[in-house]
Protein backbone atom coordinates (compact mmCIF):
# COMPACT_ATOMS: atom_id res chain seq x y z
CA UNK A 1 -10.63 -3.65 2.00
CA UNK A 2 -9.50 -7.08 0.87
CA UNK A 3 -5.98 -8.10 1.82
CA UNK A 4 -4.23 -11.04 0.15
CA UNK A 5 -0.72 -12.30 0.61
CA UNK A 6 1.44 -14.89 -1.05
CA UNK A 7 4.99 -16.00 -1.63
CA UNK A 8 6.73 -16.18 -4.98
CA UNK A 9 10.44 -16.52 -5.79
CA UNK A 10 11.44 -16.22 -2.10
CA UNK A 11 9.42 -12.99 -1.68
CA UNK A 12 6.39 -12.24 0.47
CA UNK A 13 3.91 -9.96 -1.31
CA UNK A 14 0.89 -8.26 0.28
CA UNK A 15 -1.89 -6.88 -1.93
CA UNK A 16 -4.83 -4.65 -1.05
CA UNK A 17 -7.72 -4.75 -3.51
CA UNK A 18 -5.38 -6.26 -6.14
CA UNK A 19 -2.71 -3.55 -5.76
CA UNK A 20 0.76 -4.44 -4.46
CA UNK A 21 1.43 -2.50 -1.23
CA UNK A 22 4.26 -4.43 0.48
CA UNK A 23 7.05 -6.76 -0.58
CA UNK A 24 9.69 -8.50 1.58
CA UNK A 25 12.60 -10.66 0.50
CA UNK A 26 12.62 -13.70 2.77
CA UNK A 27 16.30 -14.53 2.32
CA UNK A 28 17.73 -11.07 3.15
CA UNK A 29 14.91 -9.48 5.19
CA UNK A 30 14.88 -6.42 2.91
CA UNK A 31 11.39 -4.92 2.60
CA UNK A 32 9.64 -2.38 0.37
CA UNK A 33 6.47 -0.38 1.08
CA UNK A 34 4.76 0.77 -2.10
CA UNK A 35 1.76 2.69 -0.76
CA UNK A 36 2.12 4.27 2.67
CA UNK A 37 -1.41 5.69 2.70
CA UNK A 38 -3.14 2.28 2.76
CA UNK A 39 -2.36 1.53 6.39
CA UNK A 40 -1.83 3.93 9.23
CA UNK A 41 -2.13 3.73 13.00
CA UNK A 42 -5.93 3.88 12.56
CA UNK A 43 -6.13 0.84 10.26
CA UNK A 44 -8.03 -2.00 11.88
CA UNK A 45 -6.20 -4.87 10.15
CA UNK A 46 -2.51 -5.53 10.48
CA UNK A 47 -0.58 -7.01 7.54
CA UNK A 48 0.86 -9.53 10.01
CA UNK A 49 -2.55 -11.02 10.90
CA UNK A 50 -3.60 -14.29 9.27
């Protein structure tokens, strides 16, 4: 699983294998999860890790 993240237009976006799975607005703190099955309590990598 390849995770990539980046910021664009004051939004943090996290992609897994090229598919958008998480988006957070940096100015308001509002967040959206697009695919809940990609990470669970058994996932080895956190989306907060660098």
